[in-house]
PDB file of N, CA and C in Angstrom:
ATOM      1  N   UNK A   1     111.453 126.916 128.326  1.00  0.00           N
ATOM      2  CA  UNK A   1     110.840 128.153 127.909  1.00  0.00           C
ATOM      3  C   UNK A   1     110.010 127.960 126.647  1.00  0.00           C
ATOM      4  N   UNK A   2     110.572 127.198 125.716  1.00  0.00           N
ATOM      5  CA  UNK A   2     109.883 126.981 124.454  1.00  0.00           C
ATOM      6  C   UNK A   2     108.547 126.247 124.659  1.00  0.00           C
ATOM      7  N   UNK A   3     108.461 125.191 125.501  1.00  0.00           N
ATOM      8  CA  UNK A   3     107.158 124.537 125.718  1.00  0.00           C
ATOM      9  C   UNK A   3     106.133 125.484 126.336  1.00  0.00           C
ATOM     10  N   UNK A   4     106.565 126.368 127.220  1.00  0.00           N
ATOM     11  CA  UNK A   4     105.637 127.319 127.835  1.00  0.00           C
ATOM     12  C   UNK A   4     105.104 128.291 126.787  1.00  0.00           C
ATOM     13  N   UNK A   5     105.955 128.711 125.862  1.00  0.00           N
ATOM     14  CA  UNK A   5     105.526 129.622 124.802  1.00  0.00           C
ATOM     15  C   UNK A   5     104.524 128.944 123.872  1.00  0.00           C
ATOM     16  N   UNK A   6     104.804 127.694 123.509  1.00  0.00           N
ATOM     17  CA  UNK A   6     103.890 126.940 122.648  1.00  0.00           C
ATOM     18  C   UNK A   6     102.544 126.742 123.345  1.00  0.00           C
ATOM     19  N   UNK A   7     102.588 126.417 124.631  1.00  0.00           N
ATOM     20  CA  UNK A   7     101.351 126.247 125.393  1.00  0.00           C
ATOM     21  C   UNK A   7     100.562 127.550 125.446  1.00  0.00           C
ATOM     22  N   UNK A   8     101.223 128.670 125.691  1.00  0.00           N
ATOM     23  CA  UNK A   8     100.553 129.968 125.754  1.00  0.00           C
ATOM     24  C   UNK A   8      99.925 130.331 124.410  1.00  0.00           C
ATOM     25  N   UNK A   9     100.652 130.129 123.313  1.00  0.00           N
ATOM     26  CA  UNK A   9     100.098 130.418 121.980  1.00  0.00           C
ATOM     27  C   UNK A   9      98.922 129.508 121.658  1.00  0.00           C
ATOM     28  N   UNK A  10      99.029 128.245 122.036  1.00  0.00           N
ATOM     29  CA  UNK A  10      97.923 127.318 121.809  1.00  0.00           C
ATOM     30  C   UNK A  10      96.683 127.718 122.585  1.00  0.00           C
ATOM     31  N   UNK A  11      96.865 128.146 123.827  1.00  0.00           N
ATOM     32  CA  UNK A  11      95.752 128.584 124.658  1.00  0.00           C
ATOM     33  C   UNK A  11      95.092 129.831 124.086  1.00  0.00           C
ATOM     34  N   UNK A  12      95.893 130.789 123.644  1.00  0.00           N
ATOM     35  CA  UNK A  12      95.351 132.019 123.053  1.00  0.00           C
ATOM     36  C   UNK A  12      94.584 131.703 121.774  1.00  0.00           C
ATOM     37  N   UNK A  13      95.121 130.846 120.917  1.00  0.00           N
ATOM     38  CA  UNK A  13      94.418 130.518 119.668  1.00  0.00           C
ATOM     39  C   UNK A  13      93.132 129.750 119.956  1.00  0.00           C
ATOM     40  N   UNK A  14      93.136 128.925 120.986  1.00  0.00           N
ATOM     41  CA  UNK A  14      91.919 128.195 121.362  1.00  0.00           C
ATOM     42  C   UNK A  14      90.841 129.150 121.858  1.00  0.00           C
ATOM     43  N   UNK A  15      91.218 130.108 122.697  1.00  0.00           N
ATOM     44  CA  UNK A  15      90.253 131.050 123.250  1.00  0.00           C
ATOM     45  C   UNK A  15      89.727 132.026 122.209  1.00  0.00           C
ATOM     46  N   UNK A  16      90.484 132.285 121.165  1.00  0.00           N
ATOM     47  CA  UNK A  16      90.072 133.246 120.141  1.00  0.00           C
ATOM     48  C   UNK A  16      89.360 132.591 118.959  1.00  0.00           C
ATOM     49  N   UNK A  17      89.264 131.270 118.954  1.00  0.00           N
ATOM     50  CA  UNK A  17      88.636 130.593 117.816  1.00  0.00           C
ATOM     51  C   UNK A  17      87.133 130.853 117.813  1.00  0.00           C
ATOM     52  N   UNK A  18      86.494 130.811 116.643  1.00  0.00           N
ATOM     53  CA  UNK A  18      85.053 131.046 116.576  1.00  0.00           C
ATOM     54  C   UNK A  18      84.288 129.916 117.250  1.00  0.00           C
ATOM     55  N   UNK A  19      83.157 130.267 117.838  1.00  0.00           N
ATOM     56  CA  UNK A  19      82.319 129.276 118.510  1.00  0.00           C
ATOM     57  C   UNK A  19      81.018 129.122 117.731  1.00  0.00           C
ATOM     58  N   UNK A  20      81.110 128.490 116.602  1.00  0.00           N
ATOM     59  CA  UNK A  20      79.966 128.334 115.708  1.00  0.00           C
ATOM     60  C   UNK A  20      78.829 127.588 116.384  1.00  0.00           C
ATOM     61  N   UNK A  21      79.124 126.580 117.179  1.00  0.00           N
ATOM     62  CA  UNK A  21      78.079 125.771 117.801  1.00  0.00           C
ATOM     63  C   UNK A  21      77.286 126.547 118.839  1.00  0.00           C
ATOM     64  N   UNK A  22      77.780 127.674 119.296  1.00  0.00           N
ATOM     65  CA  UNK A  22      77.092 128.429 120.324  1.00  0.00           C
ATOM     66  C   UNK A  22      76.359 129.648 119.795  1.00  0.00           C
ATOM     67  N   UNK A  23      76.283 129.816 118.500  1.00  0.00           N
ATOM     68  CA  UNK A  23      75.597 130.977 117.949  1.00  0.00           C
ATOM     69  C   UNK A  23      74.112 130.911 118.278  1.00  0.00           C
ATOM     70  N   UNK A  24      73.530 132.052 118.587  1.00  0.00           N
ATOM     71  CA  UNK A  24      72.115 132.108 118.939  1.00  0.00           C
ATOM     72  C   UNK A  24      71.253 131.941 117.690  1.00  0.00           C
ATOM     73  N   UNK A  25      70.139 131.306 117.868  1.00  0.00           N
ATOM     74  CA  UNK A  25      69.177 131.126 116.794  1.00  0.00           C
ATOM     75  C   UNK A  25      68.514 132.465 116.486  1.00  0.00           C
ATOM     76  N   UNK A  26      68.142 132.661 115.236  1.00  0.00           N
ATOM     77  CA  UNK A  26      67.470 133.892 114.842  1.00  0.00           C
ATOM     78  C   UNK A  26      66.099 133.975 115.487  1.00  0.00           C
ATOM     79  N   UNK A  27      65.398 132.852 115.572  1.00  0.00           N
ATOM     80  CA  UNK A  27      64.070 132.828 116.164  1.00  0.00           C
ATOM     81  C   UNK A  27      64.114 132.094 117.501  1.00  0.00           C
ATOM     82  N   UNK A  28      63.449 132.644 118.481  1.00  0.00           N
ATOM     83  CA  UNK A  28      63.353 132.001 119.788  1.00  0.00           C
ATOM     84  C   UNK A  28      62.469 130.763 119.656  1.00  0.00           C
ATOM     85  N   UNK A  29      62.916 129.651 120.197  1.00  0.00           N
ATOM     86  CA  UNK A  29      62.155 128.407 120.077  1.00  0.00           C
ATOM     87  C   UNK A  29      61.443 128.053 121.370  1.00  0.00           C
ATOM     88  N   UNK A  30      61.482 128.950 122.347  1.00  0.00           N
ATOM     89  CA  UNK A  30      60.824 128.689 123.620  1.00  0.00           C
ATOM     90  C   UNK A  30      59.903 129.841 123.978  1.00  0.00           C
ATOM     91  N   UNK A  31      58.976 129.551 124.898  1.00  0.00           N
ATOM     92  CA  UNK A  31      58.086 130.579 125.430  1.00  0.00           C
ATOM     93  C   UNK A  31      58.256 130.602 126.946  1.00  0.00           C
ATOM     94  N   UNK A  32      57.950 131.719 127.544  1.00  0.00           N
ATOM     95  CA  UNK A  32      58.154 131.901 128.977  1.00  0.00           C
ATOM     96  C   UNK A  32      56.852 132.259 129.677  1.00  0.00           C
ATOM     97  N   UNK A  33      56.721 131.794 130.902  1.00  0.00           N
ATOM     98  CA  UNK A  33      55.705 132.263 131.846  1.00  0.00           C
ATOM     99  C   UNK A  33      56.466 132.439 133.147  1.00  0.00           C
ATOM    100  N   UNK A  34      56.717 133.663 133.526  1.00  0.00           N
ATOM    101  CA  UNK A  34      57.561 133.923 134.689  1.00  0.00           C
ATOM    102  C   UNK A  34      58.951 133.370 134.439  1.00  0.00           C
ATOM    103  N   UNK A  35      59.434 132.528 135.335  1.00  0.00           N
ATOM    104  CA  UNK A  35      60.753 131.920 135.200  1.00  0.00           C
ATOM    105  C   UNK A  35      60.699 130.532 134.566  1.00  0.00           C
ATOM    106  N   UNK A  36      59.527 130.087 134.135  1.00  0.00           N
ATOM    107  CA  UNK A  36      59.361 128.749 133.568  1.00  0.00           C
ATOM    108  C   UNK A  36      59.396 128.844 132.051  1.00  0.00           C
ATOM    109  N   UNK A  37      60.210 127.982 131.414  1.00  0.00           N
ATOM    110  CA  UNK A  37      60.286 127.961 129.952  1.00  0.00           C
ATOM    111  C   UNK A  37      59.525 126.773 129.404  1.00  0.00           C
ATOM    112  N   UNK A  38      58.967 126.944 128.225  1.00  0.00           N
ATOM    113  CA  UNK A  38      58.204 125.901 127.549  1.00  0.00           C
ATOM    114  C   UNK A  38      58.738 125.737 126.136  1.00  0.00           C
ATOM    115  N   UNK A  39      58.783 124.509 125.665  1.00  0.00           N
ATOM    116  CA  UNK A  39      59.200 124.214 124.301  1.00  0.00           C
ATOM    117  C   UNK A  39      58.072 124.543 123.336  1.00  0.00           C
ATOM    118  N   UNK A  40      58.433 124.746 122.083  1.00  0.00           N
ATOM    119  CA  UNK A  40      57.428 124.983 121.048  1.00  0.00           C
ATOM    120  C   UNK A  40      56.478 123.797 120.999  1.00  0.00           C
ATOM    121  N   UNK A  41      55.186 124.079 120.900  1.00  0.00           N
ATOM    122  CA  UNK A  41      54.163 123.040 120.856  1.00  0.00           C
ATOM    123  C   UNK A  41      53.521 122.771 122.198  1.00  0.00           C
ATOM    124  N   UNK A  42      54.094 123.274 123.278  1.00  0.00           N
ATOM    125  CA  UNK A  42      53.530 123.055 124.611  1.00  0.00           C
ATOM    126  C   UNK A  42      52.277 123.898 124.781  1.00  0.00           C
ATOM    127  N   UNK A  43      51.271 123.326 125.410  1.00  0.00           N
ATOM    128  CA  UNK A  43      50.023 124.034 125.673  1.00  0.00           C
ATOM    129  C   UNK A  43      49.818 124.218 127.161  1.00  0.00           C
ATOM    130  N   UNK A  44      49.317 125.390 127.562  1.00  0.00           N
ATOM    131  CA  UNK A  44      48.999 125.664 128.958  1.00  0.00           C
ATOM    132  C   UNK A  44      47.657 126.366 129.037  1.00  0.00           C
ATOM    133  N   UNK A  45      47.066 126.352 130.229  1.00  0.00           N
ATOM    134  CA  UNK A  45      45.822 127.069 130.444  1.00  0.00           C
ATOM    135  C   UNK A  45      46.116 128.551 130.476  1.00  0.00           C
ATOM    136  N   UNK A  46      45.319 129.316 129.771  1.00  0.00           N
ATOM    137  CA  UNK A  46      45.513 130.767 129.724  1.00  0.00           C
ATOM    138  C   UNK A  46      44.178 131.460 129.944  1.00  0.00           C
ATOM    139  N   UNK A  47      43.712 131.447 131.174  1.00  0.00           N
ATOM    140  CA  UNK A  47      42.436 132.083 131.487  1.00  0.00           C
ATOM    141  C   UNK A  47      41.274 131.219 131.057  1.00  0.00           C
ATOM    142  N   UNK A  48      40.546 131.658 130.034  1.00  0.00           N
ATOM    143  CA  UNK A  48      39.368 130.927 129.577  1.00  0.00           C
ATOM    144  C   UNK A  48      39.641 129.983 128.417  1.00  0.00           C
ATOM    145  N   UNK A  49      40.906 129.877 127.997  1.00  0.00           N
ATOM    146  CA  UNK A  49      41.232 129.004 126.868  1.00  0.00           C
ATOM    147  C   UNK A  49      42.623 128.417 127.065  1.00  0.00           C
ATOM    148  N   UNK A  50      43.115 127.766 126.048  1.00  0.00           N
ATOM    149  CA  UNK A  50      44.450 127.183 126.081  1.00  0.00           C
ATOM    150  C   UNK A  50      45.343 127.955 125.122  1.00  0.00           C
ATOM    151  N   UNK A  51      46.587 128.184 125.545  1.00  0.00           N
ATOM    152  CA  UNK A  51      47.569 128.843 124.688  1.00  0.00           C
ATOM    153  C   UNK A  51      48.653 127.829 124.332  1.00  0.00           C
ATOM    154  N   UNK A  52      49.168 127.923 123.106  1.00  0.00           N
ATOM    155  CA  UNK A  52      50.214 127.018 122.632  1.00  0.00           C
ATOM    156  C   UNK A  52      51.432 127.853 122.267  1.00  0.00           C
ATOM    157  N   UNK A  53      52.603 127.350 122.640  1.00  0.00           N
ATOM    158  CA  UNK A  53      53.859 128.024 122.324  1.00  0.00           C
ATOM    159  C   UNK A  53      54.220 127.769 120.862  1.00  0.00           C
ATOM    160  N   UNK A  54      54.376 128.840 120.090  1.00  0.00           N
ATOM    161  CA  UNK A  54      54.783 128.727 118.693  1.00  0.00           C
ATOM    162  C   UNK A  54      56.194 129.281 118.545  1.00  0.00           C
ATOM    163  N   UNK A  55      57.070 128.513 117.927  1.00  0.00           N
ATOM    164  CA  UNK A  55      58.462 128.939 117.735  1.00  0.00           C
ATOM    165  C   UNK A  55      58.507 130.260 116.973  1.00  0.00           C
ATOM    166  N   UNK A  56      59.241 131.203 117.501  1.00  0.00           N
ATOM    167  CA  UNK A  56      59.411 132.483 116.833  1.00  0.00           C
ATOM    168  C   UNK A  56      58.255 133.446 116.971  1.00  0.00           C
ATOM    169  N   UNK A  57      57.151 133.026 117.588  1.00  0.00           N
ATOM    170  CA  UNK A  57      55.986 133.894 117.691  1.00  0.00           C
ATOM    171  C   UNK A  57      55.504 134.074 119.119  1.00  0.00           C
ATOM    172  N   UNK A  58      55.790 133.125 120.002  1.00  0.00           N
ATOM    173  CA  UNK A  58      55.319 133.219 121.389  1.00  0.00           C
ATOM    174  C   UNK A  58      54.009 132.480 121.585  1.00  0.00           C
ATOM    175  N   UNK A  59      53.259 132.898 122.592  1.00  0.00           N
ATOM    176  CA  UNK A  59      52.000 132.232 122.932  1.00  0.00           C
ATOM    177  C   UNK A  59      50.884 132.653 121.996  1.00  0.00           C
ATOM    178  N   UNK A  60      50.159 131.679 121.469  1.00  0.00           N
ATOM    179  CA  UNK A  60      49.016 131.919 120.591  1.00  0.00           C
ATOM    180  C   UNK A  60      47.834 131.096 121.102  1.00  0.00           C
ATOM    181  N   UNK A  61      46.628 131.620 120.927  1.00  0.00           N
ATOM    182  CA  UNK A  61      45.437 130.889 121.359  1.00  0.00           C
ATOM    183  C   UNK A  61      45.308 129.603 120.557  1.00  0.00           C
ATOM    184  N   UNK A  62      45.038 128.512 121.271  1.00  0.00           N
ATOM    185  CA  UNK A  62      44.914 127.195 120.639  1.00  0.00           C
ATOM    186  C   UNK A  62      43.462 126.900 120.310  1.00  0.00           C
ATOM    187  N   UNK A  63      43.275 125.882 119.488  1.00  0.00           N
ATOM    188  CA  UNK A  63      41.930 125.428 119.178  1.00  0.00           C
ATOM    189  C   UNK A  63      41.306 124.788 120.407  1.00  0.00           C
ATOM    190  N   UNK A  64      39.994 124.756 120.476  1.00  0.00           N
ATOM    191  CA  UNK A  64      39.299 124.142 121.605  1.00  0.00           C
ATOM    192  C   UNK A  64      39.714 122.680 121.740  1.00  0.00           C
ATOM    193  N   UNK A  65      39.940 122.252 122.950  1.00  0.00           N
ATOM    194  CA  UNK A  65      40.310 120.867 123.202  1.00  0.00           C
ATOM    195  C   UNK A  65      41.780 120.551 123.014  1.00  0.00           C
ATOM    196  N   UNK A  66      42.615 121.564 122.760  1.00  0.00           N
ATOM    197  CA  UNK A  66      44.050 121.324 122.591  1.00  0.00           C
ATOM    198  C   UNK A  66      44.628 120.784 123.898  1.00  0.00           C
ATOM    199  N   UNK A  67      45.531 119.813 123.839  1.00  0.00           N
ATOM    200  CA  UNK A  67      46.090 119.234 125.065  1.00  0.00           C
ATOM    201  C   UNK A  67      47.018 120.211 125.788  1.00  0.00           C
ATOM    202  N   UNK A  68      47.047 120.102 127.115  1.00  0.00           N
ATOM    203  CA  UNK A  68      47.946 120.923 127.924  1.00  0.00           C
ATOM    204  C   UNK A  68      48.975 120.020 128.585  1.00  0.00           C
ATOM    205  N   UNK A  69      50.106 120.603 128.991  1.00  0.00           N
ATOM    206  CA  UNK A  69      51.173 119.800 129.579  1.00  0.00           C
ATOM    207  C   UNK A  69      51.125 119.778 131.095  1.00  0.00           C
ATOM    208  N   UNK A  70      50.331 120.634 131.704  1.00  0.00           N
ATOM    209  CA  UNK A  70      50.252 120.641 133.151  1.00  0.00           C
ATOM    210  C   UNK A  70      49.700 121.943 133.690  1.00  0.00           C
ATOM    211  N   UNK A  71      49.923 122.155 134.995  1.00  0.00           N
ATOM    212  CA  UNK A  71      49.426 123.335 135.694  1.00  0.00           C
ATOM    213  C   UNK A  71      50.584 124.055 136.376  1.00  0.00           C
ATOM    214  N   UNK A  72      50.519 125.369 136.397  1.00  0.00           N
ATOM    215  CA  UNK A  72      51.517 126.175 137.102  1.00  0.00           C
ATOM    216  C   UNK A  72      50.979 126.580 138.463  1.00  0.00           C
ATOM    217  N   UNK A  73      51.842 126.491 139.477  1.00  0.00           N
ATOM    218  CA  UNK A  73      51.493 126.942 140.819  1.00  0.00           C
ATOM    219  C   UNK A  73      52.757 127.468 141.467  1.00  0.00           C
ATOM    220  N   UNK A  74      52.755 128.742 141.798  1.00  0.00           N
ATOM    221  CA  UNK A  74      53.894 129.394 142.433  1.00  0.00           C
ATOM    222  C   UNK A  74      55.192 129.176 141.655  1.00  0.00           C
ATOM    223  N   UNK A  75      55.119 129.287 140.327  1.00  0.00           N
ATOM    224  CA  UNK A  75      56.303 129.163 139.488  1.00  0.00           C
ATOM    225  C   UNK A  75      56.768 127.748 139.230  1.00  0.00           C
ATOM    226  N   UNK A  76      56.042 126.755 139.701  1.00  0.00           N
ATOM    227  CA  UNK A  76      56.395 125.352 139.498  1.00  0.00           C
ATOM    228  C   UNK A  76      55.379 124.697 138.579  1.00  0.00           C
ATOM    229  N   UNK A  77      55.858 123.875 137.653  1.00  0.00           N
ATOM    230  CA  UNK A  77      54.989 123.158 136.724  1.00  0.00           C
ATOM    231  C   UNK A  77      54.722 121.762 137.264  1.00  0.00           C
ATOM    232  N   UNK A  78      53.453 121.384 137.329  1.00  0.00           N
ATOM    233  CA  UNK A  78      53.055 120.034 137.728  1.00  0.00           C
ATOM    234  C   UNK A  78      52.328 119.387 136.561  1.00  0.00           C
ATOM    235  N   UNK A  79      52.516 118.084 136.379  1.00  0.00           N
ATOM    236  CA  UNK A  79      51.881 117.386 135.264  1.00  0.00           C
ATOM    237  C   UNK A  79      50.393 117.189 135.525  1.00  0.00           C
ATOM    238  N   UNK A  80      49.651 116.912 134.460  1.00  0.00           N
ATOM    239  CA  UNK A  80      48.219 116.642 134.571  1.00  0.00           C
ATOM    240  C   UNK A  80      48.034 115.431 135.489  1.00  0.00           C
ATOM    241  N   UNK A  81      47.120 115.567 136.441  1.00  0.00           N
ATOM    242  CA  UNK A  81      46.856 114.499 137.402  1.00  0.00           C
ATOM    243  C   UNK A  81      47.598 114.662 138.713  1.00  0.00           C
ATOM    244  N   UNK A  82      48.570 115.561 138.771  1.00  0.00           N
ATOM    245  CA  UNK A  82      49.346 115.755 140.004  1.00  0.00           C
ATOM    246  C   UNK A  82      48.452 116.293 141.116  1.00  0.00           C
ATOM    247  N   UNK A  83      48.726 115.862 142.338  1.00  0.00           N
ATOM    248  CA  UNK A  83      48.004 116.329 143.523  1.00  0.00           C
ATOM    249  C   UNK A  83      49.026 116.969 144.458  1.00  0.00           C
ATOM    250  N   UNK A  84      48.728 118.191 144.902  1.00  0.00           N
ATOM    251  CA  UNK A  84      49.624 118.903 145.815  1.00  0.00           C
ATOM    252  C   UNK A  84      48.833 119.415 147.008  1.00  0.00           C
ATOM    253  N   UNK A  85      49.517 119.545 148.127  1.00  0.00           N
ATOM    254  CA  UNK A  85      48.883 120.083 149.324  1.00  0.00           C
ATOM    255  C   UNK A  85      48.766 121.589 149.250  1.00  0.00           C
ATOM    256  N   UNK A  86      47.832 122.113 150.025  1.00  0.00           N
ATOM    257  CA  UNK A  86      47.647 123.555 150.126  1.00  0.00           C
ATOM    258  C   UNK A  86      48.254 123.988 151.450  1.00  0.00           C
ATOM    259  N   UNK A  87      49.119 124.955 151.393  1.00  0.00           N
ATOM    260  CA  UNK A  87      49.772 125.461 152.591  1.00  0.00           C
ATOM    261  C   UNK A  87      48.740 125.900 153.623  1.00  0.00           C
ATOM    262  N   UNK A  88      48.914 125.498 154.862  1.00  0.00           N
ATOM    263  CA  UNK A  88      48.043 125.862 155.987  1.00  0.00           C
ATOM    264  C   UNK A  88      46.614 125.362 155.827  1.00  0.00           C
ATOM    265  N   UNK A  89      46.417 124.255 155.106  1.00  0.00           N
ATOM    266  CA  UNK A  89      45.077 123.693 154.952  1.00  0.00           C
ATOM    267  C   UNK A  89      45.188 122.178 154.965  1.00  0.00           C
ATOM    268  N   UNK A  90      44.696 121.563 156.033  1.00  0.00           N
ATOM    269  CA  UNK A  90      44.766 120.112 156.165  1.00  0.00           C
ATOM    270  C   UNK A  90      43.580 119.395 155.537  1.00  0.00           C
ATOM    271  N   UNK A  91      42.530 120.129 155.158  1.00  0.00           N
ATOM    272  CA  UNK A  91      41.326 119.469 154.658  1.00  0.00           C
ATOM    273  C   UNK A  91      41.190 119.489 153.144  1.00  0.00           C
ATOM    274  N   UNK A  92      41.988 120.316 152.439  1.00  0.00           N
ATOM    275  CA  UNK A  92      41.877 120.401 150.978  1.00  0.00           C
ATOM    276  C   UNK A  92      43.235 120.188 150.311  1.00  0.00           C
ATOM    277  N   UNK A  93      43.189 119.673 149.088  1.00  0.00           N
ATOM    278  CA  UNK A  93      44.370 119.523 148.241  1.00  0.00           C
ATOM    279  C   UNK A  93      44.000 120.027 146.860  1.00  0.00           C
ATOM    280  N   UNK A  94      45.000 120.237 146.025  1.00  0.00           N
ATOM    281  CA  UNK A  94      44.780 120.665 144.643  1.00  0.00           C
ATOM    282  C   UNK A  94      45.179 119.551 143.696  1.00  0.00           C
ATOM    283  N   UNK A  95      44.407 119.401 142.607  1.00  0.00           N
ATOM    284  CA  UNK A  95      44.748 118.431 141.572  1.00  0.00           C
ATOM    285  C   UNK A  95      44.728 119.138 140.227  1.00  0.00           C
ATOM    286  N   UNK A  96      45.752 118.868 139.416  1.00  0.00           N
ATOM    287  CA  UNK A  96      45.843 119.444 138.071  1.00  0.00           C
ATOM    288  C   UNK A  96      44.950 118.633 137.137  1.00  0.00           C
ATOM    289  N   UNK A  97      43.921 119.283 136.563  1.00  0.00           N
ATOM    290  CA  UNK A  97      43.027 118.543 135.667  1.00  0.00           C
ATOM    291  C   UNK A  97      43.537 118.585 134.223  1.00  0.00           C
ATOM    292  N   UNK A  98      42.877 117.855 133.357  1.00  0.00           N
ATOM    293  CA  UNK A  98      43.313 117.720 131.956  1.00  0.00           C
ATOM    294  C   UNK A  98      43.266 119.030 131.188  1.00  0.00           C
ATOM    295  N   UNK A  99      42.530 120.023 131.692  1.00  0.00           N
ATOM    296  CA  UNK A  99      42.456 121.323 131.038  1.00  0.00           C
ATOM    297  C   UNK A  99      43.512 122.304 131.510  1.00  0.00           C
ATOM    298  N   UNK A 100      44.381 121.867 132.433  1.00  0.00           N
ATOM    299  CA  UNK A 100      45.431 122.743 132.924  1.00  0.00           C
ATOM    300  C   UNK A 100      45.003 123.641 134.068  1.00  0.00           C
ATOM    301  N   UNK A 101      43.885 123.317 134.698  1.00  0.00           N
ATOM    302  CA  UNK A 101      43.386 124.099 135.832  1.00  0.00           C
ATOM    303  C   UNK A 101      43.530 123.298 137.121  1.00  0.00           C
ATOM    304  N   UNK A 102      43.744 124.012 138.228  1.00  0.00           N
ATOM    305  CA  UNK A 102      43.788 123.375 139.530  1.00  0.00           C
ATOM    306  C   UNK A 102      42.378 123.246 140.063  1.00  0.00           C
ATOM    307  N   UNK A 103      42.009 122.061 140.536  1.00  0.00           N
ATOM    308  CA  UNK A 103      40.714 121.842 141.184  1.00  0.00           C
ATOM    309  C   UNK A 103      40.980 121.380 142.609  1.00  0.00           C
ATOM    310  N   UNK A 104      40.025 121.667 143.506  1.00  0.00           N
ATOM    311  CA  UNK A 104      40.208 121.288 144.908  1.00  0.00           C
ATOM    312  C   UNK A 104      39.647 119.900 145.155  1.00  0.00           C
ATOM    313  N   UNK A 105      40.303 119.173 146.050  1.00  0.00           N
ATOM    314  CA  UNK A 105      39.875 117.846 146.488  1.00  0.00           C
ATOM    315  C   UNK A 105      39.878 117.826 148.003  1.00  0.00           C
ATOM    316  N   UNK A 106      39.010 117.015 148.566  1.00  0.00           N
ATOM    317  CA  UNK A 106      39.079 116.799 150.016  1.00  0.00           C
ATOM    318  C   UNK A 106      40.360 116.008 150.286  1.00  0.00           C
ATOM    319  N   UNK A 107      41.063 116.342 151.342  1.00  0.00           N
ATOM    320  CA  UNK A 107      42.368 115.721 151.632  1.00  0.00           C
ATOM    321  C   UNK A 107      42.264 114.230 151.850  1.00  0.00           C
ATOM    322  N   UNK A 108      41.125 113.720 152.262  1.00  0.00           N
ATOM    323  CA  UNK A 108      40.996 112.288 152.501  1.00  0.00           C
ATOM    324  C   UNK A 108      40.505 111.512 151.285  1.00  0.00           C
ATOM    325  N   UNK A 109      40.249 112.200 150.133  1.00  0.00           N
ATOM    326  CA  UNK A 109      39.802 111.458 148.947  1.00  0.00           C
ATOM    327  C   UNK A 109      40.962 110.774 148.285  1.00  0.00           C
ATOM    328  N   UNK A 110      40.697 109.661 147.707  1.00  0.00           N
ATOM    329  CA  UNK A 110      41.727 108.896 147.023  1.00  0.00           C
ATOM    330  C   UNK A 110      41.376 108.843 145.556  1.00  0.00           C
ATOM    331  N   UNK A 111      42.395 108.940 144.739  1.00  0.00           N
ATOM    332  CA  UNK A 111      41.960 108.928 143.403  1.00  0.00           C
ATOM    333  C   UNK A 111      42.933 108.945 142.379  1.00  0.00           C
TER     334      UNK A 111
END
């Protein structure tokens, strides 16, 4: 009986102890686009320019020529240079360019 009591008290004290390592940060260090998260400093294409994730502030317009980390398509991030097929199209493919935009390629081109 005594070991069961000690085990129960130990379990209760463990569950009630503070969880300092799990405390939330005051400032958010990530940015979101849909269900995709980006770390601070990540750049993506945002219409006619590039946006950069700033910790605690969100997306901000970047300077011209700022590097991007890839392209978004249907909630999935692909790296620069990635080539993906287009659903229901055997003659065209998409390639993520250095500016974070998808460009079309003929399916038989190599590159």
